[in-house]
PDB file of N, CA and C in Angstrom:
ATOM      1  N   MET A   1     -19.033 -26.250  -1.111  1.00  0.00           N
ATOM      2  CA  MET A   1     -17.706 -26.615  -1.075  1.00  0.00           C
ATOM      3  C   MET A   1     -17.104 -25.454  -2.181  1.00  0.00           C
ATOM      4  N   VAL A   2     -16.163 -24.962  -1.769  1.00  0.00           N
ATOM      5  CA  VAL A   2     -15.430 -23.799  -2.418  1.00  0.00           C
ATOM      6  C   VAL A   2     -14.281 -24.308  -3.423  1.00  0.00           C
ATOM      7  N   ASP A   3     -14.064 -23.725  -4.406  1.00  0.00           N
ATOM      8  CA  ASP A   3     -13.031 -23.979  -5.452  1.00  0.00           C
ATOM      9  C   ASP A   3     -12.025 -23.110  -5.303  1.00  0.00           C
ATOM     10  N   VAL A   4     -12.080 -21.883  -5.147  1.00  0.00           N
ATOM     11  CA  VAL A   4     -10.992 -20.957  -4.797  1.00  0.00           C
ATOM     12  C   VAL A   4     -11.192 -20.108  -3.544  1.00  0.00           C
ATOM     13  N   ALA A   5     -10.090 -20.105  -2.765  1.00  0.00           N
ATOM     14  CA  ALA A   5      -9.973 -19.227  -1.590  1.00  0.00           C
ATOM     15  C   ALA A   5      -9.025 -17.844  -2.037  1.00  0.00           C
ATOM     16  N   VAL A   6      -9.574 -16.797  -1.770  1.00  0.00           N
ATOM     17  CA  VAL A   6      -8.774 -15.497  -2.140  1.00  0.00           C
ATOM     18  C   VAL A   6      -8.534 -14.836  -0.780  1.00  0.00           C
ATOM     19  N   VAL A   7      -7.138 -14.534  -0.691  1.00  0.00           N
ATOM     20  CA  VAL A   7      -6.754 -14.006   0.738  1.00  0.00           C
ATOM     21  C   VAL A   7      -6.398 -12.568   0.380  1.00  0.00           C
ATOM     22  N   GLY A   8      -7.283 -11.634   0.993  1.00  0.00           N
ATOM     23  CA  GLY A   8      -7.075 -10.272   0.724  1.00  0.00           C
ATOM     24  C   GLY A   8      -8.305  -9.562  -0.214  1.00  0.00           C
ATOM     25  N   ALA A   9      -8.929  -8.611   0.242  1.00  0.00           N
ATOM     26  CA  ALA A   9     -10.066  -8.072  -0.313  1.00  0.00           C
ATOM     27  C   ALA A   9      -9.748  -6.712  -0.917  1.00  0.00           C
ATOM     28  N   GLY A  10      -8.651  -6.545  -1.309  1.00  0.00           N
ATOM     29  CA  GLY A  10      -8.241  -5.367  -2.030  1.00  0.00           C
ATOM     30  C   GLY A  10      -8.805  -5.410  -3.412  1.00  0.00           C
ATOM     31  N   PRO A  11      -8.273  -4.531  -4.364  1.00  0.00           N
ATOM     32  CA  PRO A  11      -8.686  -4.449  -5.814  1.00  0.00           C
ATOM     33  C   PRO A  11      -8.193  -5.713  -6.373  1.00  0.00           C
ATOM     34  N   CYS A  12      -7.207  -6.259  -6.318  1.00  0.00           N
ATOM     35  CA  CYS A  12      -6.666  -7.325  -7.027  1.00  0.00           C
ATOM     36  C   CYS A  12      -7.395  -8.665  -6.425  1.00  0.00           C
ATOM     37  N   GLY A  13      -7.620  -8.707  -5.065  1.00  0.00           N
ATOM     38  CA  GLY A  13      -8.171  -9.958  -4.405  1.00  0.00           C
ATOM     39  C   GLY A  13      -9.756 -10.013  -4.948  1.00  0.00           C
ATOM     40  N   LEU A  14     -10.381  -8.795  -5.162  1.00  0.00           N
ATOM     41  CA  LEU A  14     -11.744  -8.897  -5.511  1.00  0.00           C
ATOM     42  C   LEU A  14     -11.859  -9.121  -7.069  1.00  0.00           C
ATOM     43  N   ALA A  15     -10.833  -8.692  -7.728  1.00  0.00           N
ATOM     44  CA  ALA A  15     -10.838  -9.025  -9.210  1.00  0.00           C
ATOM     45  C   ALA A  15     -10.684 -10.386  -9.431  1.00  0.00           C
ATOM     46  N   ALA A  16      -9.652 -11.068  -8.731  1.00  0.00           N
ATOM     47  CA  ALA A  16      -9.603 -12.418  -8.682  1.00  0.00           C
ATOM     48  C   ALA A  16     -10.745 -13.314  -8.367  1.00  0.00           C
ATOM     49  N   ALA A  17     -11.671 -12.910  -7.367  1.00  0.00           N
ATOM     50  CA  ALA A  17     -12.646 -13.540  -7.096  1.00  0.00           C
ATOM     51  C   ALA A  17     -13.954 -13.473  -7.991  1.00  0.00           C
ATOM     52  N   ILE A  18     -14.009 -12.256  -8.649  1.00  0.00           N
ATOM     53  CA  ILE A  18     -14.935 -12.057  -9.746  1.00  0.00           C
ATOM     54  C   ILE A  18     -14.428 -12.838 -11.008  1.00  0.00           C
ATOM     55  N   ALA A  19     -13.003 -13.104 -11.287  1.00  0.00           N
ATOM     56  CA  ALA A  19     -12.788 -13.617 -12.531  1.00  0.00           C
ATOM     57  C   ALA A  19     -13.131 -15.217 -12.331  1.00  0.00           C
ATOM     58  N   ALA A  20     -12.957 -15.801 -11.055  1.00  0.00           N
ATOM     59  CA  ALA A  20     -13.060 -17.005 -10.892  1.00  0.00           C
ATOM     60  C   ALA A  20     -14.641 -17.417 -10.751  1.00  0.00           C
ATOM     61  N   GLN A  21     -15.421 -16.389 -10.346  1.00  0.00           N
ATOM     62  CA  GLN A  21     -16.796 -16.818 -10.556  1.00  0.00           C
ATOM     63  C   GLN A  21     -17.302 -16.813 -12.116  1.00  0.00           C
ATOM     64  N   ARG A  22     -16.616 -15.832 -12.899  1.00  0.00           N
ATOM     65  CA  ARG A  22     -17.063 -15.755 -14.029  1.00  0.00           C
ATOM     66  C   ARG A  22     -16.496 -16.957 -14.788  1.00  0.00           C
ATOM     67  N   ALA A  23     -15.809 -17.695 -14.412  1.00  0.00           N
ATOM     68  CA  ALA A  23     -15.124 -19.016 -14.918  1.00  0.00           C
ATOM     69  C   ALA A  23     -16.000 -20.311 -14.318  1.00  0.00           C
ATOM     70  N   GLY A  24     -16.976 -19.792 -13.623  1.00  0.00           N
ATOM     71  CA  GLY A  24     -17.759 -20.983 -13.003  1.00  0.00           C
ATOM     72  C   GLY A  24     -17.391 -21.600 -11.809  1.00  0.00           C
ATOM     73  N   LEU A  25     -16.557 -20.992 -11.050  1.00  0.00           N
ATOM     74  CA  LEU A  25     -15.894 -21.586  -9.900  1.00  0.00           C
ATOM     75  C   LEU A  25     -16.569 -20.892  -8.773  1.00  0.00           C
ATOM     76  N   ARG A  26     -16.664 -21.388  -7.421  1.00  0.00           N
ATOM     77  CA  ARG A  26     -17.017 -20.934  -6.490  1.00  0.00           C
ATOM     78  C   ARG A  26     -15.873 -20.375  -5.530  1.00  0.00           C
ATOM     79  N   ALA A  27     -15.944 -19.060  -5.238  1.00  0.00           N
ATOM     80  CA  ALA A  27     -14.927 -18.260  -4.433  1.00  0.00           C
ATOM     81  C   ALA A  27     -15.509 -17.769  -3.372  1.00  0.00           C
ATOM     82  N   VAL A  28     -14.374 -17.687  -2.414  1.00  0.00           N
ATOM     83  CA  VAL A  28     -14.714 -17.122  -1.130  1.00  0.00           C
ATOM     84  C   VAL A  28     -13.400 -16.159  -0.815  1.00  0.00           C
ATOM     85  N   VAL A  29     -13.748 -14.961  -0.237  1.00  0.00           N
ATOM     86  CA  VAL A  29     -12.666 -13.895  -0.075  1.00  0.00           C
ATOM     87  C   VAL A  29     -12.509 -13.636   1.533  1.00  0.00           C
ATOM     88  N   PHE A  30     -11.299 -13.917   1.760  1.00  0.00           N
ATOM     89  CA  PHE A  30     -10.936 -13.609   3.139  1.00  0.00           C
ATOM     90  C   PHE A  30     -10.263 -12.287   3.377  1.00  0.00           C
ATOM     91  N   ASP A  31     -10.230 -11.440   4.510  1.00  0.00           N
ATOM     92  CA  ASP A  31      -9.618 -10.407   4.637  1.00  0.00           C
ATOM     93  C   ASP A  31      -9.545 -10.148   6.298  1.00  0.00           C
ATOM     94  N   ARG A  32      -8.464  -9.278   6.698  1.00  0.00           N
ATOM     95  CA  ARG A  32      -8.411  -9.346   7.983  1.00  0.00           C
ATOM     96  C   ARG A  32      -9.290  -8.174   8.347  1.00  0.00           C
ATOM     97  N   GLY A  33      -9.733  -7.278   7.704  1.00  0.00           N
ATOM     98  CA  GLY A  33     -10.957  -6.325   7.944  1.00  0.00           C
ATOM     99  C   GLY A  33     -12.270  -6.596   7.318  1.00  0.00           C
ATOM    100  N   CYS A  34     -13.173  -5.922   7.342  1.00  0.00           N
ATOM    101  CA  CYS A  34     -14.299  -6.235   6.726  1.00  0.00           C
ATOM    102  C   CYS A  34     -14.125  -5.707   5.186  1.00  0.00           C
ATOM    103  N   LEU A  35     -15.123  -6.466   4.391  1.00  0.00           N
ATOM    104  CA  LEU A  35     -14.883  -6.272   2.909  1.00  0.00           C
ATOM    105  C   LEU A  35     -14.789  -4.778   2.507  1.00  0.00           C
ATOM    106  N   VAL A  36     -15.735  -4.023   3.145  1.00  0.00           N
ATOM    107  CA  VAL A  36     -15.742  -2.616   2.743  1.00  0.00           C
ATOM    108  C   VAL A  36     -14.389  -1.900   3.130  1.00  0.00           C
ATOM    109  N   ASN A  37     -14.024  -2.382   4.132  1.00  0.00           N
ATOM    110  CA  ASN A  37     -12.534  -1.849   4.420  1.00  0.00           C
ATOM    111  C   ASN A  37     -11.359  -1.870   3.588  1.00  0.00           C
ATOM    112  N   GLY A  38     -11.414  -3.070   2.880  1.00  0.00           N
ATOM    113  CA  GLY A  38     -10.322  -3.481   1.807  1.00  0.00           C
ATOM    114  C   GLY A  38     -10.209  -2.352   0.695  1.00  0.00           C
ATOM    115  N   ILE A  39     -11.363  -1.829   0.258  1.00  0.00           N
ATOM    116  CA  ILE A  39     -11.590  -0.937  -0.782  1.00  0.00           C
ATOM    117  C   ILE A  39     -11.294   0.449  -0.228  1.00  0.00           C
ATOM    118  N   ALA A  40     -11.903   0.738   0.944  1.00  0.00           N
ATOM    119  CA  ALA A  40     -12.039   2.107   1.478  1.00  0.00           C
ATOM    120  C   ALA A  40     -10.546   2.602   1.921  1.00  0.00           C
ATOM    121  N   SER A  41      -9.820   1.595   2.348  1.00  0.00           N
ATOM    122  CA  SER A  41      -8.372   1.844   2.768  1.00  0.00           C
ATOM    123  C   SER A  41      -7.182   1.815   1.655  1.00  0.00           C
ATOM    124  N   TYR A  42      -7.826   1.342   0.502  1.00  0.00           N
ATOM    125  CA  TYR A  42      -6.786   1.393  -0.718  1.00  0.00           C
ATOM    126  C   TYR A  42      -6.291   2.902  -1.027  1.00  0.00           C
ATOM    127  N   PRO A  43      -4.837   3.075  -0.961  1.00  0.00           N
ATOM    128  CA  PRO A  43      -4.414   4.111  -1.444  1.00  0.00           C
ATOM    129  C   PRO A  43      -4.746   4.706  -2.749  1.00  0.00           C
ATOM    130  N   THR A  44      -5.393   5.898  -2.996  1.00  0.00           N
ATOM    131  CA  THR A  44      -5.625   6.282  -4.445  1.00  0.00           C
ATOM    132  C   THR A  44      -4.577   7.092  -4.839  1.00  0.00           C
ATOM    133  N   TYR A  45      -3.587   7.607  -4.222  1.00  0.00           N
ATOM    134  CA  TYR A  45      -2.640   8.445  -4.753  1.00  0.00           C
ATOM    135  C   TYR A  45      -1.540   7.675  -5.435  1.00  0.00           C
ATOM    136  N   MET A  46      -1.553   6.390  -5.442  1.00  0.00           N
ATOM    137  CA  MET A  46      -0.375   5.429  -6.026  1.00  0.00           C
ATOM    138  C   MET A  46      -0.615   5.390  -7.579  1.00  0.00           C
ATOM    139  N   SER A  47       0.412   5.449  -8.208  1.00  0.00           N
ATOM    140  CA  SER A  47       0.222   5.293  -9.813  1.00  0.00           C
ATOM    141  C   SER A  47       1.164   4.387 -10.103  1.00  0.00           C
ATOM    142  N   PHE A  48       1.029   3.517 -11.133  1.00  0.00           N
ATOM    143  CA  PHE A  48       2.006   2.305 -11.629  1.00  0.00           C
ATOM    144  C   PHE A  48       2.269   2.656 -13.064  1.00  0.00           C
TER     145      PHE A  48
END
């Protein structure tokens, strides 16, 4: 059984899944591409 479903394997989605697991919850991550694609296609030129 899964406690948390995260949609999107970008930096925020992966951070949310890690935070859920650290809180003792079971998380699953869904993304339209493979998990590696979520990080590899993230634009590094953006600044906030």
